[in-house]
Amino acid sequence: MSATHRVHPNSNGTYRPVDPPDAILWDDCERCDEHATDALGLDRTKLRAAWDMMIAVETGGPVRVGGAEYRTANEARLGRLLYNVYVITQRLAR
């Protein structure tokens, strides 16, 4: 199942000012909440974007468009999850 997310409007048709339209995962969305703790449901594009963001934020790697910071709580949760995977793979590679 593909979990591509589009901009999540509020019930009145406007967009949450705290969540940028290009967020990988939004806050206050059940499906985004699930993906923040289980990245396997994300499609390849979203997973790659999340990985690149994690590298920029957690390791000081190349900054992606939008800057090197998590913009939603769900992006931060996903980033920490992916960073744990990154650390494990680095330790096993030694």
N, C-alpha and C. Protein backbone atom coordinates (compact mmCIF):
# COMPACT_ATOMS: atom_id res chain seq x y z
N MET A 1 0.84 -1.17 0.00
CA MET A 1 0.00 0.00 0.00
C MET A 1 0.88 1.24 0.00
N SER A 2 0.61 2.16 -0.87
CA SER A 2 1.36 3.40 -0.93
C SER A 2 0.83 4.37 0.10
N ALA A 3 1.72 5.07 0.74
CA ALA A 3 1.30 5.99 1.79
C ALA A 3 1.68 7.42 1.45
N THR A 4 1.68 7.75 0.18
CA THR A 4 2.03 9.10 -0.21
C THR A 4 1.05 10.07 0.43
N HIS A 5 1.57 11.12 0.98
CA HIS A 5 0.72 12.11 1.62
C HIS A 5 0.70 13.40 0.82
N ARG A 6 -0.44 13.98 0.76
CA ARG A 6 -0.58 15.29 0.15
C ARG A 6 -0.83 16.29 1.26
N VAL A 7 -0.94 17.55 0.89
CA VAL A 7 -1.20 18.58 1.89
C VAL A 7 -2.50 18.25 2.60
N HIS A 8 -2.49 18.30 3.90
CA HIS A 8 -3.65 17.98 4.73
C HIS A 8 -4.38 19.26 5.11
N PRO A 9 -5.51 19.55 4.50
CA PRO A 9 -6.23 20.76 4.89
C PRO A 9 -6.99 20.57 6.20
N ASN A 10 -7.25 21.67 6.88
CA ASN A 10 -8.12 21.64 8.04
C ASN A 10 -9.54 21.40 7.57
N SER A 11 -10.46 21.18 8.49
CA SER A 11 -11.84 20.90 8.12
C SER A 11 -12.49 22.07 7.40
N ASN A 12 -11.99 23.29 7.61
CA ASN A 12 -12.57 24.44 6.92
C ASN A 12 -11.89 24.72 5.59
N GLY A 13 -11.00 23.83 5.15
CA GLY A 13 -10.35 23.98 3.85
C GLY A 13 -9.05 24.76 3.87
N THR A 14 -8.70 25.32 5.02
CA THR A 14 -7.43 26.04 5.11
C THR A 14 -6.35 25.07 5.58
N TYR A 15 -5.13 25.52 5.56
CA TYR A 15 -4.02 24.67 5.96
C TYR A 15 -3.46 25.12 7.29
N ARG A 16 -3.00 24.14 8.08
CA ARG A 16 -2.42 24.47 9.38
C ARG A 16 -1.20 25.34 9.18
N PRO A 17 -1.16 26.50 9.80
CA PRO A 17 0.00 27.38 9.60
C PRO A 17 1.29 26.80 10.17
N VAL A 18 1.18 25.86 11.10
CA VAL A 18 2.40 25.32 11.70
C VAL A 18 3.01 24.19 10.87
N ASP A 19 2.26 23.61 9.96
CA ASP A 19 2.77 22.53 9.13
C ASP A 19 3.01 23.04 7.72
N PRO A 20 4.26 23.04 7.26
CA PRO A 20 4.52 23.52 5.90
C PRO A 20 3.90 22.58 4.87
N PRO A 21 3.50 23.12 3.72
CA PRO A 21 2.83 22.29 2.72
C PRO A 21 3.69 21.14 2.18
N ASP A 22 5.01 21.25 2.30
CA ASP A 22 5.88 20.19 1.80
C ASP A 22 6.37 19.26 2.91
N ALA A 23 5.69 19.27 4.05
CA ALA A 23 6.07 18.39 5.16
C ALA A 23 6.00 16.93 4.72
N ILE A 24 6.91 16.12 5.19
CA ILE A 24 6.90 14.69 4.89
C ILE A 24 5.77 14.02 5.65
N LEU A 25 5.64 14.35 6.92
CA LEU A 25 4.54 13.86 7.75
C LEU A 25 3.93 15.04 8.49
N TRP A 26 2.61 15.04 8.57
CA TRP A 26 1.89 16.12 9.25
C TRP A 26 1.55 15.68 10.66
N ASP A 27 1.29 16.64 11.51
CA ASP A 27 0.80 16.37 12.85
C ASP A 27 -0.73 16.30 12.81
N ASP A 28 -1.31 15.67 13.82
CA ASP A 28 -2.77 15.55 13.94
C ASP A 28 -3.40 14.81 12.76
N CYS A 29 -2.70 13.80 12.26
CA CYS A 29 -3.20 12.94 11.19
C CYS A 29 -2.89 11.51 11.62
N GLU A 30 -3.91 10.68 11.75
CA GLU A 30 -3.70 9.31 12.24
C GLU A 30 -2.71 8.54 11.39
N ARG A 31 -2.82 8.66 10.09
CA ARG A 31 -1.92 7.91 9.21
C ARG A 31 -0.48 8.41 9.34
N CYS A 32 -0.31 9.72 9.41
CA CYS A 32 1.04 10.27 9.60
C CYS A 32 1.61 9.85 10.96
N ASP A 33 0.73 9.81 11.98
CA ASP A 33 1.17 9.34 13.30
C ASP A 33 1.72 7.91 13.21
N GLU A 34 1.03 7.07 12.45
CA GLU A 34 1.47 5.68 12.29
C GLU A 34 2.81 5.61 11.55
N HIS A 35 2.96 6.40 10.51
CA HIS A 35 4.20 6.37 9.74
C HIS A 35 5.39 6.93 10.51
N ALA A 36 5.13 7.77 11.49
CA ALA A 36 6.21 8.32 12.30
C ALA A 36 6.90 7.25 13.13
N THR A 37 6.21 6.15 13.39
CA THR A 37 6.80 5.06 14.17
C THR A 37 6.99 3.79 13.37
N ASP A 38 6.56 3.79 12.12
CA ASP A 38 6.70 2.62 11.24
C ASP A 38 6.93 3.11 9.81
N ALA A 39 8.19 3.33 9.48
CA ALA A 39 8.55 3.92 8.19
C ALA A 39 8.32 2.98 7.01
N LEU A 40 8.11 1.71 7.26
CA LEU A 40 7.98 0.75 6.16
C LEU A 40 6.75 1.00 5.29
N GLY A 41 5.77 1.72 5.80
CA GLY A 41 4.58 2.01 5.02
C GLY A 41 4.73 3.19 4.08
N LEU A 42 5.83 3.92 4.21
CA LEU A 42 6.05 5.08 3.34
C LEU A 42 6.46 4.64 1.94
N ASP A 43 6.05 5.41 0.95
CA ASP A 43 6.51 5.10 -0.40
C ASP A 43 7.98 5.51 -0.54
N ARG A 44 8.60 5.08 -1.61
CA ARG A 44 10.04 5.29 -1.82
C ARG A 44 10.43 6.77 -1.77
N THR A 45 9.62 7.62 -2.36
CA THR A 45 9.92 9.05 -2.41
C THR A 45 9.91 9.68 -1.03
N LYS A 46 8.87 9.38 -0.24
CA LYS A 46 8.77 9.94 1.10
C LYS A 46 9.86 9.36 2.02
N LEU A 47 10.14 8.07 1.88
CA LEU A 47 11.17 7.46 2.71
C LEU A 47 12.53 8.07 2.40
N ARG A 48 12.82 8.29 1.13
CA ARG A 48 14.10 8.91 0.74
C ARG A 48 14.21 10.33 1.29
N ALA A 49 13.11 11.08 1.18
CA ALA A 49 13.11 12.45 1.70
C ALA A 49 13.31 12.45 3.21
N ALA A 50 12.69 11.51 3.89
CA ALA A 50 12.83 11.41 5.35
C ALA A 50 14.27 11.04 5.72
N TRP A 51 14.87 10.11 4.97
CA TRP A 51 16.25 9.71 5.23
C TRP A 51 17.19 10.89 5.01
N ASP A 52 17.02 11.60 3.90
CA ASP A 52 17.88 12.75 3.61
C ASP A 52 17.74 13.83 4.68
N MET A 53 16.52 14.06 5.16
CA MET A 53 16.30 15.04 6.21
C MET A 53 17.00 14.59 7.49
N MET A 54 16.88 13.31 7.83
CA MET A 54 17.53 12.80 9.03
C MET A 54 19.04 13.00 8.94
N ILE A 55 19.63 12.70 7.81
CA ILE A 55 21.08 12.88 7.64
C ILE A 55 21.46 14.35 7.86
N ALA A 56 20.68 15.26 7.29
CA ALA A 56 20.97 16.69 7.43
C ALA A 56 20.82 17.15 8.88
N VAL A 57 19.77 16.70 9.54
CA VAL A 57 19.50 17.16 10.91
C VAL A 57 20.42 16.50 11.92
N GLU A 58 20.54 15.19 11.86
CA GLU A 58 21.22 14.43 12.91
C GLU A 58 22.73 14.34 12.73
N THR A 59 23.21 14.43 11.50
CA THR A 59 24.65 14.25 11.28
C THR A 59 25.33 15.48 10.71
N GLY A 60 24.56 16.52 10.42
CA GLY A 60 25.16 17.72 9.82
C GLY A 60 25.52 17.51 8.36
N GLY A 61 24.90 16.52 7.75
CA GLY A 61 25.17 16.22 6.34
C GLY A 61 24.57 17.27 5.42
N PRO A 62 24.57 16.99 4.11
CA PRO A 62 24.05 17.96 3.15
C PRO A 62 22.63 18.38 3.50
N VAL A 63 22.38 19.67 3.42
CA VAL A 63 21.06 20.22 3.75
C VAL A 63 20.15 20.11 2.54
N ARG A 64 18.98 19.55 2.78
CA ARG A 64 18.00 19.45 1.71
C ARG A 64 17.25 20.77 1.59
N VAL A 65 16.46 20.89 0.57
CA VAL A 65 15.63 22.07 0.41
C VAL A 65 14.73 22.19 1.64
N GLY A 66 14.62 23.37 2.19
CA GLY A 66 13.78 23.58 3.36
C GLY A 66 14.58 23.69 4.65
N GLY A 67 15.87 23.40 4.59
CA GLY A 67 16.69 23.55 5.78
C GLY A 67 16.89 22.26 6.53
N ALA A 68 17.79 22.33 7.52
CA ALA A 68 18.14 21.15 8.30
C ALA A 68 17.44 21.19 9.64
N GLU A 69 16.14 21.01 9.62
CA GLU A 69 15.38 20.93 10.85
C GLU A 69 14.09 20.16 10.58
N TYR A 70 13.61 19.51 11.61
CA TYR A 70 12.32 18.85 11.51
C TYR A 70 11.25 19.92 11.65
N ARG A 71 10.22 19.83 10.83
CA ARG A 71 9.21 20.88 10.82
C ARG A 71 7.91 20.49 11.49
N THR A 72 7.73 19.21 11.78
CA THR A 72 6.55 18.75 12.50
C THR A 72 7.01 17.75 13.55
N ALA A 73 6.19 17.52 14.55
CA ALA A 73 6.52 16.53 15.58
C ALA A 73 6.65 15.14 14.97
N ASN A 74 5.80 14.83 13.98
CA ASN A 74 5.88 13.51 13.34
C ASN A 74 7.15 13.37 12.52
N GLU A 75 7.61 14.43 11.87
CA GLU A 75 8.89 14.36 11.17
C GLU A 75 10.01 14.09 12.16
N ALA A 76 9.96 14.72 13.32
CA ALA A 76 11.00 14.51 14.34
C ALA A 76 10.98 13.08 14.85
N ARG A 77 9.80 12.53 15.10
CA ARG A 77 9.71 11.13 15.56
C ARG A 77 10.28 10.18 14.51
N LEU A 78 9.90 10.41 13.26
CA LEU A 78 10.41 9.56 12.17
C LEU A 78 11.92 9.73 12.04
N GLY A 79 12.41 10.96 12.14
CA GLY A 79 13.84 11.21 12.04
C GLY A 79 14.63 10.48 13.11
N ARG A 80 14.12 10.48 14.34
CA ARG A 80 14.81 9.77 15.42
C ARG A 80 14.79 8.26 15.18
N LEU A 81 13.69 7.75 14.67
CA LEU A 81 13.61 6.33 14.33
C LEU A 81 14.64 5.97 13.27
N LEU A 82 14.70 6.77 12.22
CA LEU A 82 15.66 6.51 11.14
C LEU A 82 17.10 6.70 11.63
N TYR A 83 17.32 7.65 12.53
CA TYR A 83 18.67 7.84 13.07
C TYR A 83 19.12 6.61 13.85
N ASN A 84 18.21 5.99 14.58
CA ASN A 84 18.56 4.76 15.29
C ASN A 84 18.98 3.67 14.31
N VAL A 85 18.29 3.57 13.20
CA VAL A 85 18.67 2.60 12.16
C VAL A 85 20.05 2.95 11.61
N TYR A 86 20.27 4.23 11.37
CA TYR A 86 21.55 4.70 10.85
C TYR A 86 22.70 4.32 11.80
N VAL A 87 22.51 4.57 13.10
CA VAL A 87 23.54 4.25 14.09
C VAL A 87 23.82 2.75 14.12
N ILE A 88 22.78 1.95 14.09
CA ILE A 88 22.96 0.50 14.09
C ILE A 88 23.75 0.05 12.87
N THR A 89 23.40 0.56 11.70
CA THR A 89 24.12 0.14 10.48
C THR A 89 25.57 0.59 10.52
N GLN A 90 25.84 1.77 11.09
CA GLN A 90 27.22 2.24 11.20
C GLN A 90 28.03 1.35 12.15
N ARG A 91 27.41 0.93 13.25
CA ARG A 91 28.12 0.07 14.20
C ARG A 91 28.39 -1.31 13.62
N LEU A 92 27.44 -1.83 12.86
CA LEU A 92 27.62 -3.16 12.27
C LEU A 92 28.62 -3.15 11.12
N ALA A 93 28.82 -1.99 10.52
CA ALA A 93 29.74 -1.89 9.39
C ALA A 93 31.20 -1.89 9.84
N ARG A 94 31.43 -1.73 11.12
CA ARG A 94 32.82 -1.66 11.63
C ARG A 94 33.39 -3.02 11.88
